[in-house]
């Protein structure tokens, strides 16, 4: 019975020491770590880029609809000219 307890302690001691060492390292590293920004930010990073992309998306749709409208008008004019030239 005592032999089993000794065998288990031989396996448990390195594991316990490893966990204690890892926790100690974590506490030591976190104590030295300094956050890059300590103040509260007014805008998140990339906010101006997001706004520019949003404006581009809005303008892109308008430009696409404008080109589509011009194409449709040209198509209607072509159909009217064809009907005027060759009614049958």
PDB file of N, CA and C in Angstrom:
ATOM      1  N   UNK A   1       0.829  -1.188   0.000  1.00  0.00           N
ATOM      2  CA  UNK A   1       0.000   0.000   0.000  1.00  0.00           C
ATOM      3  C   UNK A   1       0.875   1.253   0.000  1.00  0.00           C
ATOM      4  N   UNK A   2       1.892   1.248   0.844  1.00  0.00           N
ATOM      5  CA  UNK A   2       2.794   2.393   0.911  1.00  0.00           C
ATOM      6  C   UNK A   2       3.590   2.523  -0.379  1.00  0.00           C
ATOM      7  N   UNK A   3       3.879   1.401  -1.025  1.00  0.00           N
ATOM      8  CA  UNK A   3       4.629   1.415  -2.286  1.00  0.00           C
ATOM      9  C   UNK A   3       3.847   2.104  -3.394  1.00  0.00           C
ATOM     10  N   UNK A   4       2.520   1.838  -3.448  1.00  0.00           N
ATOM     11  CA  UNK A   4       1.696   2.496  -4.448  1.00  0.00           C
ATOM     12  C   UNK A   4       1.651   3.998  -4.221  1.00  0.00           C
ATOM     13  N   UNK A   5       1.566   4.418  -2.978  1.00  0.00           N
ATOM     14  CA  UNK A   5       1.541   5.841  -2.658  1.00  0.00           C
ATOM     15  C   UNK A   5       2.844   6.504  -3.079  1.00  0.00           C
ATOM     16  N   UNK A   6       3.962   5.828  -2.875  1.00  0.00           N
ATOM     17  CA  UNK A   6       5.254   6.380  -3.293  1.00  0.00           C
ATOM     18  C   UNK A   6       5.345   6.484  -4.812  1.00  0.00           C
ATOM     19  N   UNK A   7       4.835   5.468  -5.519  1.00  0.00           N
ATOM     20  CA  UNK A   7       4.869   5.497  -6.984  1.00  0.00           C
ATOM     21  C   UNK A   7       4.008   6.639  -7.502  1.00  0.00           C
ATOM     22  N   UNK A   8       2.819   6.814  -6.930  1.00  0.00           N
ATOM     23  CA  UNK A   8       1.953   7.908  -7.357  1.00  0.00           C
ATOM     24  C   UNK A   8       2.586   9.256  -7.039  1.00  0.00           C
ATOM     25  N   UNK A   9       3.276   9.388  -5.942  1.00  0.00           N
ATOM     26  CA  UNK A   9       3.912  10.658  -5.586  1.00  0.00           C
ATOM     27  C   UNK A   9       5.054  10.970  -6.553  1.00  0.00           C
ATOM     28  N   UNK A  10       5.744   9.919  -7.044  1.00  0.00           N
ATOM     29  CA  UNK A  10       6.812  10.149  -8.013  1.00  0.00           C
ATOM     30  C   UNK A  10       6.255  10.713  -9.322  1.00  0.00           C
ATOM     31  N   UNK A  11       5.047  10.279  -9.690  1.00  0.00           N
ATOM     32  CA  UNK A  11       4.423  10.798 -10.896  1.00  0.00           C
ATOM     33  C   UNK A  11       3.753  12.149 -10.660  1.00  0.00           C
ATOM     34  N   UNK A  12       3.208  12.343  -9.474  1.00  0.00           N
ATOM     35  CA  UNK A  12       2.456  13.559  -9.192  1.00  0.00           C
ATOM     36  C   UNK A  12       3.375  14.748  -8.937  1.00  0.00           C
ATOM     37  N   UNK A  13       4.508  14.521  -8.319  1.00  0.00           N
ATOM     38  CA  UNK A  13       5.401  15.636  -7.967  1.00  0.00           C
ATOM     39  C   UNK A  13       5.890  16.413  -9.186  1.00  0.00           C
ATOM     40  N   UNK A  14       6.364  15.770 -10.258  1.00  0.00           N
ATOM     41  CA  UNK A  14       6.774  16.552 -11.432  1.00  0.00           C
ATOM     42  C   UNK A  14       5.621  17.319 -12.073  1.00  0.00           C
ATOM     43  N   UNK A  15       4.437  16.711 -12.084  1.00  0.00           N
ATOM     44  CA  UNK A  15       3.281  17.398 -12.668  1.00  0.00           C
ATOM     45  C   UNK A  15       2.932  18.626 -11.848  1.00  0.00           C
ATOM     46  N   UNK A  16       2.911  18.498 -10.542  1.00  0.00           N
ATOM     47  CA  UNK A  16       2.595  19.636  -9.667  1.00  0.00           C
ATOM     48  C   UNK A  16       3.652  20.723  -9.813  1.00  0.00           C
ATOM     49  N   UNK A  17       4.927  20.330  -9.846  1.00  0.00           N
ATOM     50  CA  UNK A  17       5.988  21.327 -10.006  1.00  0.00           C
ATOM     51  C   UNK A  17       5.893  22.027 -11.365  1.00  0.00           C
ATOM     52  N   UNK A  18       5.533  21.312 -12.414  1.00  0.00           N
ATOM     53  CA  UNK A  18       5.374  21.909 -13.741  1.00  0.00           C
ATOM     54  C   UNK A  18       4.237  22.917 -13.744  1.00  0.00           C
ATOM     55  N   UNK A  19       3.108  22.576 -13.140  1.00  0.00           N
ATOM     56  CA  UNK A  19       1.967  23.491 -13.082  1.00  0.00           C
ATOM     57  C   UNK A  19       2.326  24.733 -12.285  1.00  0.00           C
ATOM     58  N   UNK A  20       3.004  24.564 -11.147  1.00  0.00           N
ATOM     59  CA  UNK A  20       3.415  25.710 -10.331  1.00  0.00           C
ATOM     60  C   UNK A  20       4.370  26.597 -11.118  1.00  0.00           C
ATOM     61  N   UNK A  21       5.323  26.000 -11.825  1.00  0.00           N
ATOM     62  CA  UNK A  21       6.273  26.783 -12.618  1.00  0.00           C
ATOM     63  C   UNK A  21       5.570  27.540 -13.741  1.00  0.00           C
ATOM     64  N   UNK A  22       4.600  26.908 -14.405  1.00  0.00           N
ATOM     65  CA  UNK A  22       3.872  27.575 -15.485  1.00  0.00           C
ATOM     66  C   UNK A  22       3.050  28.748 -14.951  1.00  0.00           C
ATOM     67  N   UNK A  23       2.396  28.576 -13.825  1.00  0.00           N
ATOM     68  CA  UNK A  23       1.614  29.664 -13.231  1.00  0.00           C
ATOM     69  C   UNK A  23       2.539  30.800 -12.831  1.00  0.00           C
ATOM     70  N   UNK A  24       3.690  30.468 -12.268  1.00  0.00           N
ATOM     71  CA  UNK A  24       4.648  31.500 -11.861  1.00  0.00           C
ATOM     72  C   UNK A  24       5.150  32.284 -13.077  1.00  0.00           C
ATOM     73  N   UNK A  25       5.454  31.589 -14.178  1.00  0.00           N
ATOM     74  CA  UNK A  25       5.902  32.256 -15.406  1.00  0.00           C
ATOM     75  C   UNK A  25       4.804  33.159 -15.960  1.00  0.00           C
ATOM     76  N   UNK A  26       3.575  32.682 -15.942  1.00  0.00           N
ATOM     77  CA  UNK A  26       2.460  33.475 -16.445  1.00  0.00           C
ATOM     78  C   UNK A  26       2.291  34.760 -15.646  1.00  0.00           C
ATOM     79  N   UNK A  27       2.356  34.662 -14.341  1.00  0.00           N
ATOM     80  CA  UNK A  27       2.234  35.849 -13.482  1.00  0.00           C
ATOM     81  C   UNK A  27       3.400  36.795 -13.726  1.00  0.00           C
ATOM     82  N   UNK A  28       4.596  36.255 -13.881  1.00  0.00           N
ATOM     83  CA  UNK A  28       5.784  37.095 -14.100  1.00  0.00           C
ATOM     84  C   UNK A  28       5.704  37.827 -15.439  1.00  0.00           C
ATOM     85  N   UNK A  29       5.286  37.139 -16.497  1.00  0.00           N
ATOM     86  CA  UNK A  29       5.196  37.753 -17.828  1.00  0.00           C
ATOM     87  C   UNK A  29       4.083  38.786 -17.861  1.00  0.00           C
ATOM     88  N   UNK A  30       2.936  38.476 -17.266  1.00  0.00           N
ATOM     89  CA  UNK A  30       1.829  39.442 -17.266  1.00  0.00           C
ATOM     90  C   UNK A  30       2.165  40.684 -16.468  1.00  0.00           C
ATOM     91  N   UNK A  31       2.993  40.558 -15.457  1.00  0.00           N
ATOM     92  CA  UNK A  31       3.394  41.727 -14.677  1.00  0.00           C
ATOM     93  C   UNK A  31       4.274  42.671 -15.478  1.00  0.00           C
ATOM     94  N   UNK A  32       5.062  42.126 -16.404  1.00  0.00           N
ATOM     95  CA  UNK A  32       5.950  42.946 -17.229  1.00  0.00           C
ATOM     96  C   UNK A  32       5.274  43.474 -18.482  1.00  0.00           C
ATOM     97  N   UNK A  33       4.191  42.841 -18.894  1.00  0.00           N
ATOM     98  CA  UNK A  33       3.523  43.223 -20.136  1.00  0.00           C
ATOM     99  C   UNK A  33       2.802  44.551 -19.965  1.00  0.00           C
ATOM    100  N   UNK A  34       3.014  45.427 -20.941  1.00  0.00           N
ATOM    101  CA  UNK A  34       2.341  46.717 -20.931  1.00  0.00           C
ATOM    102  C   UNK A  34       1.415  46.780 -22.128  1.00  0.00           C
ATOM    103  N   UNK A  35       0.185  47.161 -21.914  1.00  0.00           N
ATOM    104  CA  UNK A  35      -0.772  47.269 -22.999  1.00  0.00           C
ATOM    105  C   UNK A  35      -0.397  48.444 -23.887  1.00  0.00           C
ATOM    106  N   UNK A  36      -0.531  48.320 -25.200  1.00  0.00           N
ATOM    107  CA  UNK A  36      -0.110  49.387 -26.105  1.00  0.00           C
ATOM    108  C   UNK A  36      -0.939  50.659 -25.963  1.00  0.00           C
ATOM    109  N   UNK A  37      -2.205  50.528 -25.602  1.00  0.00           N
ATOM    110  CA  UNK A  37      -3.071  51.696 -25.484  1.00  0.00           C
ATOM    111  C   UNK A  37      -3.730  51.655 -24.115  1.00  0.00           C
ATOM    112  N   UNK A  38      -3.512  52.704 -23.350  1.00  0.00           N
ATOM    113  CA  UNK A  38      -4.096  52.710 -22.005  1.00  0.00           C
ATOM    114  C   UNK A  38      -5.371  53.549 -21.952  1.00  0.00           C
ATOM    115  N   UNK A  39      -5.536  54.475 -22.901  1.00  0.00           N
ATOM    116  CA  UNK A  39      -6.723  55.333 -22.902  1.00  0.00           C
ATOM    117  C   UNK A  39      -7.856  54.681 -23.678  1.00  0.00           C
ATOM    118  N   UNK A  40      -9.073  55.154 -23.422  1.00  0.00           N
ATOM    119  CA  UNK A  40     -10.225  54.673 -24.165  1.00  0.00           C
ATOM    120  C   UNK A  40     -10.215  55.335 -25.540  1.00  0.00           C
ATOM    121  N   UNK A  41     -10.355  54.536 -26.582  1.00  0.00           N
ATOM    122  CA  UNK A  41     -10.300  55.045 -27.955  1.00  0.00           C
ATOM    123  C   UNK A  41     -11.614  55.719 -28.337  1.00  0.00           C
ATOM    124  N   UNK A  42     -11.512  56.784 -29.131  1.00  0.00           N
ATOM    125  CA  UNK A  42     -12.706  57.445 -29.641  1.00  0.00           C
ATOM    126  C   UNK A  42     -13.344  56.630 -30.765  1.00  0.00           C
ATOM    127  N   UNK A  43     -12.499  56.068 -31.628  1.00  0.00           N
ATOM    128  CA  UNK A  43     -12.970  55.229 -32.728  1.00  0.00           C
ATOM    129  C   UNK A  43     -12.118  53.966 -32.743  1.00  0.00           C
ATOM    130  N   UNK A  44     -12.705  52.851 -33.162  1.00  0.00           N
ATOM    131  CA  UNK A  44     -11.906  51.626 -33.257  1.00  0.00           C
ATOM    132  C   UNK A  44     -10.933  51.710 -34.432  1.00  0.00           C
ATOM    133  N   UNK A  45      -9.883  50.901 -34.431  1.00  0.00           N
ATOM    134  CA  UNK A  45      -8.943  50.907 -35.547  1.00  0.00           C
ATOM    135  C   UNK A  45      -9.644  50.549 -36.859  1.00  0.00           C
ATOM    136  N   UNK A  46      -9.308  51.276 -37.920  1.00  0.00           N
ATOM    137  CA  UNK A  46      -9.878  51.015 -39.228  1.00  0.00           C
ATOM    138  C   UNK A  46     -11.225  51.673 -39.469  1.00  0.00           C
ATOM    139  N   UNK A  47     -11.632  52.571 -38.594  1.00  0.00           N
ATOM    140  CA  UNK A  47     -12.945  53.215 -38.742  1.00  0.00           C
ATOM    141  C   UNK A  47     -13.000  54.071 -40.003  1.00  0.00           C
ATOM    142  N   UNK A  48     -11.940  54.848 -40.266  1.00  0.00           N
ATOM    143  CA  UNK A  48     -11.955  55.696 -41.458  1.00  0.00           C
ATOM    144  C   UNK A  48     -11.940  54.842 -42.729  1.00  0.00           C
ATOM    145  N   UNK A  49     -11.235  53.727 -42.706  1.00  0.00           N
ATOM    146  CA  UNK A  49     -11.225  52.824 -43.861  1.00  0.00           C
ATOM    147  C   UNK A  49     -12.612  52.235 -44.082  1.00  0.00           C
ATOM    148  N   UNK A  50     -13.295  51.879 -43.010  1.00  0.00           N
ATOM    149  CA  UNK A  50     -14.646  51.336 -43.125  1.00  0.00           C
ATOM    150  C   UNK A  50     -15.595  52.364 -43.721  1.00  0.00           C
ATOM    151  N   UNK A  51     -15.451  53.627 -43.294  1.00  0.00           N
ATOM    152  CA  UNK A  51     -16.311  54.691 -43.831  1.00  0.00           C
ATOM    153  C   UNK A  51     -16.064  54.912 -45.322  1.00  0.00           C
ATOM    154  N   UNK A  52     -14.789  54.902 -45.726  1.00  0.00           N
ATOM    155  CA  UNK A  52     -14.474  55.074 -47.149  1.00  0.00           C
ATOM    156  C   UNK A  52     -15.052  53.933 -47.978  1.00  0.00           C
ATOM    157  N   UNK A  53     -14.946  52.714 -47.476  1.00  0.00           N
ATOM    158  CA  UNK A  53     -15.516  51.576 -48.199  1.00  0.00           C
ATOM    159  C   UNK A  53     -17.027  51.675 -48.293  1.00  0.00           C
ATOM    160  N   UNK A  54     -17.660  52.147 -47.239  1.00  0.00           N
ATOM    161  CA  UNK A  54     -19.109  52.315 -47.249  1.00  0.00           C
ATOM    162  C   UNK A  54     -19.520  53.356 -48.289  1.00  0.00           C
ATOM    163  N   UNK A  55     -18.792  54.485 -48.364  1.00  0.00           N
ATOM    164  CA  UNK A  55     -19.090  55.510 -49.371  1.00  0.00           C
ATOM    165  C   UNK A  55     -18.860  54.960 -50.775  1.00  0.00           C
ATOM    166  N   UNK A  56     -17.794  54.189 -50.952  1.00  0.00           N
ATOM    167  CA  UNK A  56     -17.508  53.597 -52.262  1.00  0.00           C
ATOM    168  C   UNK A  56     -18.634  52.660 -52.678  1.00  0.00           C
ATOM    169  N   UNK A  57     -19.120  51.849 -51.738  1.00  0.00           N
ATOM    170  CA  UNK A  57     -20.220  50.934 -52.055  1.00  0.00           C
ATOM    171  C   UNK A  57     -21.464  51.698 -52.491  1.00  0.00           C
ATOM    172  N   UNK A  58     -21.774  52.786 -51.796  1.00  0.00           N
ATOM    173  CA  UNK A  58     -22.952  53.579 -52.153  1.00  0.00           C
ATOM    174  C   UNK A  58     -22.790  54.198 -53.538  1.00  0.00           C
ATOM    175  N   UNK A  59     -21.610  54.747 -53.820  1.00  0.00           N
ATOM    176  CA  UNK A  59     -21.370  55.368 -55.121  1.00  0.00           C
ATOM    177  C   UNK A  59     -21.335  54.328 -56.233  1.00  0.00           C
ATOM    178  N   UNK A  60     -20.802  53.149 -55.971  1.00  0.00           N
ATOM    179  CA  UNK A  60     -20.708  52.107 -56.973  1.00  0.00           C
ATOM    180  C   UNK A  60     -22.100  51.698 -57.451  1.00  0.00           C
ATOM    181  N   UNK A  61     -23.021  51.566 -56.529  1.00  0.00           N
ATOM    182  CA  UNK A  61     -24.383  51.179 -56.907  1.00  0.00           C
ATOM    183  C   UNK A  61     -25.010  52.261 -57.776  1.00  0.00           C
ATOM    184  N   UNK A  62     -24.818  53.521 -57.424  1.00  0.00           N
ATOM    185  CA  UNK A  62     -25.375  54.614 -58.228  1.00  0.00           C
ATOM    186  C   UNK A  62     -24.759  54.643 -59.625  1.00  0.00           C
ATOM    187  N   UNK A  63     -23.465  54.452 -59.720  1.00  0.00           N
ATOM    188  CA  UNK A  63     -22.807  54.427 -61.030  1.00  0.00           C
ATOM    189  C   UNK A  63     -23.304  53.251 -61.861  1.00  0.00           C
ATOM    190  N   UNK A  64     -23.451  52.105 -61.244  1.00  0.00           N
ATOM    191  CA  UNK A  64     -23.940  50.933 -61.964  1.00  0.00           C
ATOM    192  C   UNK A  64     -25.355  51.166 -62.483  1.00  0.00           C
ATOM    193  N   UNK A  65     -26.212  51.720 -61.650  1.00  0.00           N
ATOM    194  CA  UNK A  65     -27.582  52.001 -62.079  1.00  0.00           C
ATOM    195  C   UNK A  65     -27.615  53.052 -63.181  1.00  0.00           C
ATOM    196  N   UNK A  66     -26.719  54.030 -63.115  1.00  0.00           N
ATOM    197  CA  UNK A  66     -26.647  55.047 -64.168  1.00  0.00           C
ATOM    198  C   UNK A  66     -26.247  54.447 -65.501  1.00  0.00           C
ATOM    199  N   UNK A  67     -25.253  53.596 -65.514  1.00  0.00           N
ATOM    200  CA  UNK A  67     -24.824  52.939 -66.754  1.00  0.00           C
ATOM    201  C   UNK A  67     -25.944  52.051 -67.284  1.00  0.00           C
ATOM    202  N   UNK A  68     -26.616  51.339 -66.391  1.00  0.00           N
ATOM    203  CA  UNK A  68     -27.722  50.482 -66.794  1.00  0.00           C
ATOM    204  C   UNK A  68     -28.857  51.299 -67.399  1.00  0.00           C
ATOM    205  N   UNK A  69     -29.137  52.448 -66.829  1.00  0.00           N
ATOM    206  CA  UNK A  69     -30.188  53.317 -67.337  1.00  0.00           C
ATOM    207  C   UNK A  69     -29.823  53.859 -68.715  1.00  0.00           C
ATOM    208  N   UNK A  70     -28.589  54.295 -68.912  1.00  0.00           N
ATOM    209  CA  UNK A  70     -28.137  54.786 -70.218  1.00  0.00           C
ATOM    210  C   UNK A  70     -28.229  53.673 -71.255  1.00  0.00           C
ATOM    211  N   UNK A  71     -27.808  52.467 -70.915  1.00  0.00           N
ATOM    212  CA  UNK A  71     -27.888  51.333 -71.838  1.00  0.00           C
ATOM    213  C   UNK A  71     -29.337  51.042 -72.221  1.00  0.00           C
ATOM    214  N   UNK A  72     -30.232  51.096 -71.246  1.00  0.00           N
ATOM    215  CA  UNK A  72     -31.649  50.821 -71.502  1.00  0.00           C
ATOM    216  C   UNK A  72     -32.252  51.895 -72.420  1.00  0.00           C
ATOM    217  N   UNK A  73     -31.896  53.157 -72.201  1.00  0.00           N
ATOM    218  CA  UNK A  73     -32.397  54.241 -73.052  1.00  0.00           C
ATOM    219  C   UNK A  73     -31.883  54.072 -74.482  1.00  0.00           C
ATOM    220  N   UNK A  74     -30.602  53.729 -74.637  1.00  0.00           N
ATOM    221  CA  UNK A  74     -30.044  53.489 -75.968  1.00  0.00           C
ATOM    222  C   UNK A  74     -30.750  52.330 -76.656  1.00  0.00           C
ATOM    223  N   UNK A  75     -31.068  51.288 -75.908  1.00  0.00           N
ATOM    224  CA  UNK A  75     -31.773  50.152 -76.474  1.00  0.00           C
ATOM    225  C   UNK A  75     -33.171  50.558 -76.945  1.00  0.00           C
ATOM    226  N   UNK A  76     -33.874  51.374 -76.161  1.00  0.00           N
ATOM    227  CA  UNK A  76     -35.197  51.849 -76.568  1.00  0.00           C
ATOM    228  C   UNK A  76     -35.110  52.719 -77.820  1.00  0.00           C
ATOM    229  N   UNK A  77     -34.117  53.582 -77.915  1.00  0.00           N
ATOM    230  CA  UNK A  77     -33.942  54.426 -79.094  1.00  0.00           C
ATOM    231  C   UNK A  77     -33.673  53.562 -80.321  1.00  0.00           C
ATOM    232  N   UNK A  78     -32.837  52.548 -80.173  1.00  0.00           N
ATOM    233  CA  UNK A  78     -32.545  51.654 -81.284  1.00  0.00           C
ATOM    234  C   UNK A  78     -33.796  50.926 -81.754  1.00  0.00           C
ATOM    235  N   UNK A  79     -34.616  50.472 -80.828  1.00  0.00           N
ATOM    236  CA  UNK A  79     -35.851  49.783 -81.197  1.00  0.00           C
ATOM    237  C   UNK A  79     -36.781  50.739 -81.926  1.00  0.00           C
ATOM    238  N   UNK A  80     -36.906  51.986 -81.461  1.00  0.00           N
ATOM    239  CA  UNK A  80     -37.776  52.975 -82.115  1.00  0.00           C
ATOM    240  C   UNK A  80     -37.265  53.301 -83.515  1.00  0.00           C
ATOM    241  N   UNK A  81     -35.936  53.443 -83.643  1.00  0.00           N
ATOM    242  CA  UNK A  81     -35.376  53.732 -84.976  1.00  0.00           C
ATOM    243  C   UNK A  81     -35.620  52.552 -85.904  1.00  0.00           C
ATOM    244  N   UNK A  82     -35.472  51.346 -85.432  1.00  0.00           N
ATOM    245  CA  UNK A  82     -35.713  50.169 -86.258  1.00  0.00           C
ATOM    246  C   UNK A  82     -37.174  50.086 -86.685  1.00  0.00           C
ATOM    247  N   UNK A  83     -38.084  50.428 -85.779  1.00  0.00           N
ATOM    248  CA  UNK A  83     -39.496  50.406 -86.130  1.00  0.00           C
ATOM    249  C   UNK A  83     -39.829  51.511 -87.133  1.00  0.00           C
ATOM    250  N   UNK A  84     -39.148  52.646 -87.053  1.00  0.00           N
ATOM    251  CA  UNK A  84     -39.414  53.737 -87.983  1.00  0.00           C
ATOM    252  C   UNK A  84     -38.889  53.410 -89.381  1.00  0.00           C
ATOM    253  N   UNK A  85     -37.741  52.747 -89.442  1.00  0.00           N
ATOM    254  CA  UNK A  85     -37.120  52.444 -90.724  1.00  0.00           C
ATOM    255  C   UNK A  85     -37.818  51.254 -91.383  1.00  0.00           C
ATOM    256  N   UNK A  86     -38.075  50.221 -90.640  1.00  0.00           N
ATOM    257  CA  UNK A  86     -38.714  49.014 -91.197  1.00  0.00           C
ATOM    258  C   UNK A  86     -39.934  48.676 -90.351  1.00  0.00           C
ATOM    259  N   UNK A  87     -41.094  49.237 -90.696  1.00  0.00           N
ATOM    260  CA  UNK A  87     -42.289  49.010 -89.874  1.00  0.00           C
ATOM    261  C   UNK A  87     -42.768  47.577 -89.865  1.00  0.00           C
ATOM    262  N   UNK A  88     -42.520  46.838 -90.941  1.00  0.00           N
ATOM    263  CA  UNK A  88     -42.994  45.444 -90.981  1.00  0.00           C
ATOM    264  C   UNK A  88     -41.843  44.583 -90.572  1.00  0.00           C
TER     265      UNK A  88
END
